[in-house]
Amino acid sequence: MAKGHRSQIKRERNANKDTRPSAKLSYARVSVQKACFVLDAIRGKDVTTALAILTYNPRYASSLIKKLLESAIANAENNNGMNRENLYIAECYANKGPTMKRVQPRAQGRAYRIEKRMSHITLVLDER
């Protein structure tokens, strides 16, 4: 059990917060596995290289991640006052979201379940 007044506990909790600029896309209509293929290609790269990779990547997830990266860059410039040339992708990951369950009719009155998966994609930038 934490000791101290409620406001003191909150102050200590907020002091440990991550101040790096980030952007999060929740409920993206792409599976985690497909998003991770694109995220693995840009992890650790500087933002200009990552944007170039995402622009010419044919996968559907790359268009979503490109918009997310542009949002994270804007957050870094406007909220944290960072320089665009010094930014790189420190962390990027996709977590599992909810799954929509649908039914596909099949032969002889059977029904197959289709699972439409969603993911939560997070990008964290940092300065070199």
N, C-alpha and C. Protein backbone atom coordinates (compact mmCIF):
# COMPACT_ATOMS: atom_id res chain seq x y z
N MET A 1 0.85 -1.19 0.00
CA MET A 1 0.00 0.00 0.00
C MET A 1 0.89 1.25 0.00
N ALA A 2 0.58 2.19 -0.88
CA ALA A 2 1.37 3.42 -0.97
C ALA A 2 1.09 4.33 0.21
N LYS A 3 2.13 4.99 0.68
CA LYS A 3 1.97 5.89 1.81
C LYS A 3 1.90 7.32 1.30
N GLY A 4 1.25 8.19 2.05
CA GLY A 4 1.17 9.60 1.71
C GLY A 4 -0.22 9.98 1.26
N HIS A 5 -0.36 11.26 1.04
CA HIS A 5 -1.64 11.82 0.61
C HIS A 5 -1.89 11.46 -0.85
N ARG A 6 -3.17 11.46 -1.24
CA ARG A 6 -3.55 11.09 -2.60
C ARG A 6 -2.83 11.95 -3.65
N SER A 7 -2.75 13.26 -3.41
CA SER A 7 -2.10 14.16 -4.37
C SER A 7 -0.60 13.87 -4.47
N GLN A 8 0.01 13.48 -3.35
CA GLN A 8 1.43 13.13 -3.35
C GLN A 8 1.67 11.86 -4.15
N ILE A 9 0.77 10.90 -4.02
CA ILE A 9 0.89 9.64 -4.76
C ILE A 9 0.75 9.92 -6.26
N LYS A 10 -0.22 10.78 -6.63
CA LYS A 10 -0.41 11.12 -8.04
C LYS A 10 0.81 11.86 -8.60
N ARG A 11 1.38 12.77 -7.80
CA ARG A 11 2.55 13.52 -8.24
C ARG A 11 3.72 12.58 -8.52
N GLU A 12 3.93 11.60 -7.65
CA GLU A 12 5.01 10.63 -7.85
C GLU A 12 4.76 9.77 -9.09
N ARG A 13 3.50 9.39 -9.31
CA ARG A 13 3.16 8.57 -10.47
C ARG A 13 3.40 9.33 -11.77
N ASN A 14 3.02 10.63 -11.79
CA ASN A 14 3.19 11.45 -12.99
C ASN A 14 4.65 11.81 -13.24
N ALA A 15 5.48 11.79 -12.19
CA ALA A 15 6.90 12.10 -12.36
C ALA A 15 7.60 10.99 -13.16
N ASN A 16 7.08 9.77 -13.08
CA ASN A 16 7.70 8.65 -13.78
C ASN A 16 7.18 8.47 -15.21
N LYS A 17 6.36 9.42 -15.70
CA LYS A 17 5.75 9.30 -17.01
C LYS A 17 6.78 9.46 -18.11
N ASP A 18 6.54 8.77 -19.23
CA ASP A 18 7.40 8.84 -20.40
C ASP A 18 7.12 10.14 -21.14
N THR A 19 8.15 10.97 -21.36
CA THR A 19 7.94 12.27 -22.00
C THR A 19 8.27 12.24 -23.49
N ARG A 20 8.61 11.08 -24.02
CA ARG A 20 8.92 10.99 -25.45
C ARG A 20 7.64 11.18 -26.27
N PRO A 21 7.75 11.82 -27.44
CA PRO A 21 6.56 12.01 -28.27
C PRO A 21 6.08 10.68 -28.85
N SER A 22 4.77 10.51 -28.90
CA SER A 22 4.23 9.25 -29.39
C SER A 22 2.89 9.49 -30.05
N ALA A 23 2.41 8.46 -30.73
CA ALA A 23 1.07 8.48 -31.32
C ALA A 23 0.54 7.06 -31.25
N LYS A 24 -0.78 6.94 -31.04
CA LYS A 24 -1.39 5.63 -30.92
C LYS A 24 -2.64 5.56 -31.79
N LEU A 25 -2.76 4.48 -32.52
CA LEU A 25 -3.95 4.22 -33.33
C LEU A 25 -4.67 3.03 -32.73
N SER A 26 -5.86 3.28 -32.19
CA SER A 26 -6.64 2.21 -31.58
C SER A 26 -7.66 1.68 -32.57
N TYR A 27 -7.96 0.41 -32.44
CA TYR A 27 -8.98 -0.27 -33.24
C TYR A 27 -8.70 -0.18 -34.75
N ALA A 28 -7.44 -0.37 -35.13
CA ALA A 28 -7.10 -0.39 -36.56
C ALA A 28 -7.58 -1.70 -37.15
N ARG A 29 -8.23 -1.64 -38.32
CA ARG A 29 -8.80 -2.85 -38.92
C ARG A 29 -7.73 -3.62 -39.70
N VAL A 30 -6.71 -4.03 -38.98
CA VAL A 30 -5.65 -4.86 -39.54
C VAL A 30 -5.17 -5.77 -38.43
N SER A 31 -4.82 -6.99 -38.76
CA SER A 31 -4.39 -7.92 -37.72
C SER A 31 -3.00 -7.54 -37.21
N VAL A 32 -2.67 -7.99 -36.01
CA VAL A 32 -1.39 -7.68 -35.39
C VAL A 32 -0.25 -8.23 -36.23
N GLN A 33 -0.42 -9.42 -36.74
CA GLN A 33 0.64 -10.06 -37.52
C GLN A 33 0.97 -9.25 -38.78
N LYS A 34 -0.06 -8.77 -39.47
CA LYS A 34 0.16 -8.00 -40.70
C LYS A 34 0.75 -6.63 -40.39
N ALA A 35 0.35 -6.02 -39.27
CA ALA A 35 0.91 -4.73 -38.89
C ALA A 35 2.37 -4.87 -38.49
N CYS A 36 2.73 -5.98 -37.85
CA CYS A 36 4.10 -6.18 -37.39
C CYS A 36 5.09 -6.35 -38.54
N PHE A 37 4.63 -6.86 -39.69
CA PHE A 37 5.51 -6.96 -40.85
C PHE A 37 6.03 -5.58 -41.25
N VAL A 38 5.13 -4.59 -41.22
CA VAL A 38 5.50 -3.23 -41.60
C VAL A 38 6.30 -2.57 -40.48
N LEU A 39 5.90 -2.77 -39.23
CA LEU A 39 6.59 -2.15 -38.10
C LEU A 39 8.03 -2.64 -37.98
N ASP A 40 8.26 -3.91 -38.29
CA ASP A 40 9.63 -4.45 -38.22
C ASP A 40 10.54 -3.79 -39.24
N ALA A 41 9.96 -3.33 -40.37
CA ALA A 41 10.76 -2.71 -41.43
C ALA A 41 11.25 -1.32 -41.04
N ILE A 42 10.52 -0.62 -40.14
CA ILE A 42 10.89 0.76 -39.81
C ILE A 42 11.45 0.94 -38.40
N ARG A 43 11.47 -0.10 -37.61
CA ARG A 43 11.93 0.02 -36.22
C ARG A 43 13.40 0.45 -36.17
N GLY A 44 13.68 1.52 -35.40
CA GLY A 44 15.05 2.00 -35.22
C GLY A 44 15.54 2.95 -36.30
N LYS A 45 14.77 3.16 -37.36
CA LYS A 45 15.19 4.03 -38.46
C LYS A 45 14.86 5.49 -38.13
N ASP A 46 15.54 6.42 -38.82
CA ASP A 46 15.17 7.82 -38.65
C ASP A 46 13.88 8.08 -39.43
N VAL A 47 13.19 9.17 -39.10
CA VAL A 47 11.83 9.37 -39.59
C VAL A 47 11.76 9.58 -41.10
N THR A 48 12.76 10.21 -41.70
CA THR A 48 12.72 10.44 -43.16
C THR A 48 12.85 9.12 -43.91
N THR A 49 13.73 8.25 -43.43
CA THR A 49 13.88 6.92 -44.04
C THR A 49 12.62 6.10 -43.84
N ALA A 50 12.04 6.16 -42.64
CA ALA A 50 10.83 5.39 -42.34
C ALA A 50 9.66 5.85 -43.22
N LEU A 51 9.53 7.16 -43.43
CA LEU A 51 8.46 7.67 -44.30
C LEU A 51 8.65 7.20 -45.74
N ALA A 52 9.91 7.15 -46.19
CA ALA A 52 10.19 6.67 -47.55
C ALA A 52 9.84 5.19 -47.69
N ILE A 53 10.17 4.40 -46.67
CA ILE A 53 9.85 2.95 -46.69
C ILE A 53 8.34 2.77 -46.72
N LEU A 54 7.62 3.52 -45.89
CA LEU A 54 6.16 3.37 -45.80
C LEU A 54 5.45 3.84 -47.07
N THR A 55 6.01 4.83 -47.73
CA THR A 55 5.39 5.36 -48.95
C THR A 55 5.36 4.30 -50.04
N TYR A 56 6.44 3.53 -50.18
CA TYR A 56 6.55 2.57 -51.27
C TYR A 56 6.29 1.13 -50.85
N ASN A 57 5.82 0.92 -49.63
CA ASN A 57 5.48 -0.42 -49.18
C ASN A 57 4.07 -0.75 -49.66
N PRO A 58 3.87 -1.88 -50.34
CA PRO A 58 2.54 -2.17 -50.91
C PRO A 58 1.49 -2.65 -49.90
N ARG A 59 1.87 -2.95 -48.68
CA ARG A 59 0.91 -3.48 -47.72
C ARG A 59 -0.09 -2.43 -47.26
N TYR A 60 -1.30 -2.89 -46.91
CA TYR A 60 -2.37 -1.99 -46.45
C TYR A 60 -1.98 -1.30 -45.14
N ALA A 61 -1.32 -2.04 -44.24
CA ALA A 61 -0.97 -1.49 -42.93
C ALA A 61 0.00 -0.32 -43.05
N SER A 62 0.79 -0.27 -44.13
CA SER A 62 1.78 0.80 -44.26
C SER A 62 1.12 2.17 -44.42
N SER A 63 -0.06 2.23 -45.05
CA SER A 63 -0.75 3.52 -45.17
C SER A 63 -1.24 4.01 -43.81
N LEU A 64 -1.72 3.09 -42.98
CA LEU A 64 -2.16 3.45 -41.63
C LEU A 64 -0.97 3.92 -40.78
N ILE A 65 0.13 3.18 -40.86
CA ILE A 65 1.30 3.48 -40.04
C ILE A 65 1.97 4.77 -40.50
N LYS A 66 1.89 5.06 -41.81
CA LYS A 66 2.46 6.31 -42.33
C LYS A 66 1.73 7.52 -41.72
N LYS A 67 0.40 7.47 -41.69
CA LYS A 67 -0.37 8.56 -41.09
C LYS A 67 -0.06 8.69 -39.60
N LEU A 68 0.12 7.55 -38.94
CA LEU A 68 0.44 7.54 -37.51
C LEU A 68 1.81 8.16 -37.26
N LEU A 69 2.79 7.83 -38.12
CA LEU A 69 4.14 8.39 -37.99
C LEU A 69 4.13 9.90 -38.21
N GLU A 70 3.36 10.37 -39.19
CA GLU A 70 3.26 11.81 -39.43
C GLU A 70 2.64 12.52 -38.24
N SER A 71 1.68 11.87 -37.58
CA SER A 71 1.07 12.43 -36.38
C SER A 71 2.09 12.51 -35.24
N ALA A 72 2.89 11.45 -35.09
CA ALA A 72 3.90 11.44 -34.02
C ALA A 72 4.97 12.51 -34.27
N ILE A 73 5.33 12.73 -35.53
CA ILE A 73 6.31 13.77 -35.87
C ILE A 73 5.74 15.15 -35.54
N ALA A 74 4.46 15.37 -35.87
CA ALA A 74 3.81 16.64 -35.55
C ALA A 74 3.75 16.85 -34.04
N ASN A 75 3.48 15.78 -33.28
CA ASN A 75 3.46 15.88 -31.82
C ASN A 75 4.84 16.28 -31.29
N ALA A 76 5.89 15.70 -31.86
CA ALA A 76 7.26 16.00 -31.41
C ALA A 76 7.62 17.45 -31.70
N GLU A 77 7.23 17.94 -32.88
CA GLU A 77 7.58 19.31 -33.25
C GLU A 77 6.78 20.34 -32.47
N ASN A 78 5.47 20.13 -32.35
CA ASN A 78 4.60 21.14 -31.75
C ASN A 78 4.55 21.08 -30.23
N ASN A 79 4.51 19.86 -29.66
CA ASN A 79 4.36 19.74 -28.21
C ASN A 79 5.70 19.72 -27.47
N ASN A 80 6.72 19.10 -28.08
CA ASN A 80 8.00 18.95 -27.39
C ASN A 80 9.09 19.86 -27.95
N GLY A 81 8.82 20.53 -29.08
CA GLY A 81 9.81 21.44 -29.67
C GLY A 81 11.04 20.75 -30.19
N MET A 82 10.90 19.52 -30.68
CA MET A 82 12.04 18.76 -31.19
C MET A 82 12.27 19.05 -32.67
N ASN A 83 13.49 18.81 -33.12
CA ASN A 83 13.86 19.01 -34.52
C ASN A 83 13.57 17.74 -35.31
N ARG A 84 12.94 17.88 -36.47
CA ARG A 84 12.52 16.73 -37.29
C ARG A 84 13.71 15.89 -37.76
N GLU A 85 14.85 16.55 -38.04
CA GLU A 85 16.02 15.83 -38.58
C GLU A 85 16.65 14.89 -37.55
N ASN A 86 16.45 15.17 -36.26
CA ASN A 86 17.09 14.36 -35.22
C ASN A 86 16.21 13.21 -34.72
N LEU A 87 14.98 13.12 -35.21
CA LEU A 87 14.05 12.12 -34.68
C LEU A 87 14.28 10.74 -35.29
N TYR A 88 14.08 9.72 -34.47
CA TYR A 88 14.09 8.33 -34.95
C TYR A 88 13.02 7.55 -34.20
N ILE A 89 12.69 6.38 -34.73
CA ILE A 89 11.64 5.56 -34.13
C ILE A 89 12.25 4.71 -33.02
N ALA A 90 11.97 5.08 -31.78
CA ALA A 90 12.54 4.37 -30.63
C ALA A 90 11.79 3.07 -30.37
N GLU A 91 10.46 3.14 -30.42
CA GLU A 91 9.63 1.95 -30.19
C GLU A 91 8.47 1.96 -31.17
N CYS A 92 8.09 0.79 -31.63
CA CYS A 92 6.85 0.65 -32.40
C CYS A 92 6.35 -0.78 -32.20
N TYR A 93 5.09 -0.89 -31.84
CA TYR A 93 4.52 -2.21 -31.59
C TYR A 93 3.03 -2.21 -31.85
N ALA A 94 2.48 -3.39 -32.05
CA ALA A 94 1.05 -3.57 -32.26
C ALA A 94 0.53 -4.55 -31.23
N ASN A 95 -0.51 -4.16 -30.53
CA ASN A 95 -1.15 -5.03 -29.55
C ASN A 95 -2.49 -5.51 -30.09
N LYS A 96 -2.93 -6.64 -29.58
CA LYS A 96 -4.18 -7.24 -30.04
C LYS A 96 -5.37 -6.42 -29.56
N GLY A 97 -6.30 -6.18 -30.47
CA GLY A 97 -7.54 -5.49 -30.14
C GLY A 97 -8.70 -6.48 -30.14
N PRO A 98 -9.92 -5.99 -30.12
CA PRO A 98 -11.08 -6.89 -30.16
C PRO A 98 -11.23 -7.55 -31.53
N THR A 99 -11.95 -8.64 -31.57
CA THR A 99 -12.17 -9.38 -32.80
C THR A 99 -13.66 -9.37 -33.13
N MET A 100 -14.00 -8.95 -34.35
CA MET A 100 -15.38 -9.02 -34.80
C MET A 100 -15.63 -10.42 -35.35
N LYS A 101 -16.69 -11.04 -34.91
CA LYS A 101 -16.99 -12.39 -35.36
C LYS A 101 -18.14 -12.34 -36.35
N ARG A 102 -17.91 -12.90 -37.53
CA ARG A 102 -18.91 -12.92 -38.58
C ARG A 102 -19.14 -14.37 -39.02
N VAL A 103 -20.25 -14.61 -39.75
CA VAL A 103 -20.59 -15.96 -40.18
C VAL A 103 -20.61 -16.00 -41.71
N GLN A 104 -19.96 -17.01 -42.26
CA GLN A 104 -19.94 -17.24 -43.71
C GLN A 104 -20.73 -18.51 -44.01
N PRO A 105 -21.82 -18.41 -44.77
CA PRO A 105 -22.57 -19.62 -45.09
C PRO A 105 -21.77 -20.54 -46.01
N ARG A 106 -21.86 -21.84 -45.75
CA ARG A 106 -21.14 -22.84 -46.55
C ARG A 106 -22.13 -23.88 -47.05
N ALA A 107 -21.58 -24.88 -47.73
CA ALA A 107 -22.44 -25.89 -48.36
C ALA A 107 -23.18 -26.72 -47.31
N GLN A 108 -24.35 -27.25 -47.70
CA GLN A 108 -25.17 -28.16 -46.91
C GLN A 108 -25.58 -27.55 -45.56
N GLY A 109 -25.85 -26.25 -45.56
CA GLY A 109 -26.39 -25.60 -44.37
C GLY A 109 -25.39 -25.32 -43.27
N ARG A 110 -24.13 -25.52 -43.53
CA ARG A 110 -23.12 -25.24 -42.49
C ARG A 110 -22.81 -23.75 -42.45
N ALA A 111 -22.19 -23.34 -41.37
CA ALA A 111 -21.76 -21.94 -41.23
C ALA A 111 -20.35 -21.93 -40.66
N TYR A 112 -19.46 -21.22 -41.35
CA TYR A 112 -18.09 -21.06 -40.88
C TYR A 112 -17.95 -19.69 -40.24
N ARG A 113 -17.15 -19.60 -39.20
CA ARG A 113 -16.91 -18.34 -38.52
C ARG A 113 -15.73 -17.62 -39.17
N ILE A 114 -15.93 -16.34 -39.41
CA ILE A 114 -14.85 -15.47 -39.90
C ILE A 114 -14.51 -14.51 -38.78
N GLU A 115 -13.23 -14.38 -38.47
CA GLU A 115 -12.79 -13.47 -37.42
C GLU A 115 -12.07 -12.28 -38.06
N LYS A 116 -12.65 -11.10 -37.88
CA LYS A 116 -12.05 -9.88 -38.40
C LYS A 116 -11.30 -9.23 -37.24
N ARG A 117 -9.99 -9.32 -37.30
CA ARG A 117 -9.16 -8.90 -36.17
C ARG A 117 -8.82 -7.41 -36.22
N MET A 118 -8.64 -6.84 -35.03
CA MET A 118 -8.24 -5.44 -34.91
C MET A 118 -6.97 -5.35 -34.06
N SER A 119 -6.30 -4.21 -34.15
CA SER A 119 -5.08 -4.04 -33.37
C SER A 119 -4.96 -2.59 -32.90
N HIS A 120 -4.14 -2.41 -31.88
CA HIS A 120 -3.79 -1.09 -31.37
C HIS A 120 -2.31 -0.87 -31.68
N ILE A 121 -2.01 0.10 -32.54
CA ILE A 121 -0.64 0.34 -33.00
C ILE A 121 -0.09 1.57 -32.28
N THR A 122 1.13 1.45 -31.75
CA THR A 122 1.77 2.55 -31.01
C THR A 122 3.15 2.84 -31.60
N LEU A 123 3.44 4.13 -31.80
CA LEU A 123 4.76 4.60 -32.27
C LEU A 123 5.33 5.56 -31.24
N VAL A 124 6.57 5.36 -30.83
CA VAL A 124 7.24 6.26 -29.90
C VAL A 124 8.52 6.75 -30.57
N LEU A 125 8.68 8.07 -30.63
CA LEU A 125 9.86 8.67 -31.23
C LEU A 125 10.82 9.14 -30.16
N ASP A 126 12.06 9.39 -30.56
CA ASP A 126 13.06 9.94 -29.65
C ASP A 126 14.07 10.74 -30.46
N GLU A 127 14.87 11.56 -29.79
CA GLU A 127 15.88 12.39 -30.47
C GLU A 127 17.25 11.76 -30.34
N ARG A 128 18.02 11.85 -31.43
CA ARG A 128 19.40 11.36 -31.40
C ARG A 128 20.32 12.44 -30.93
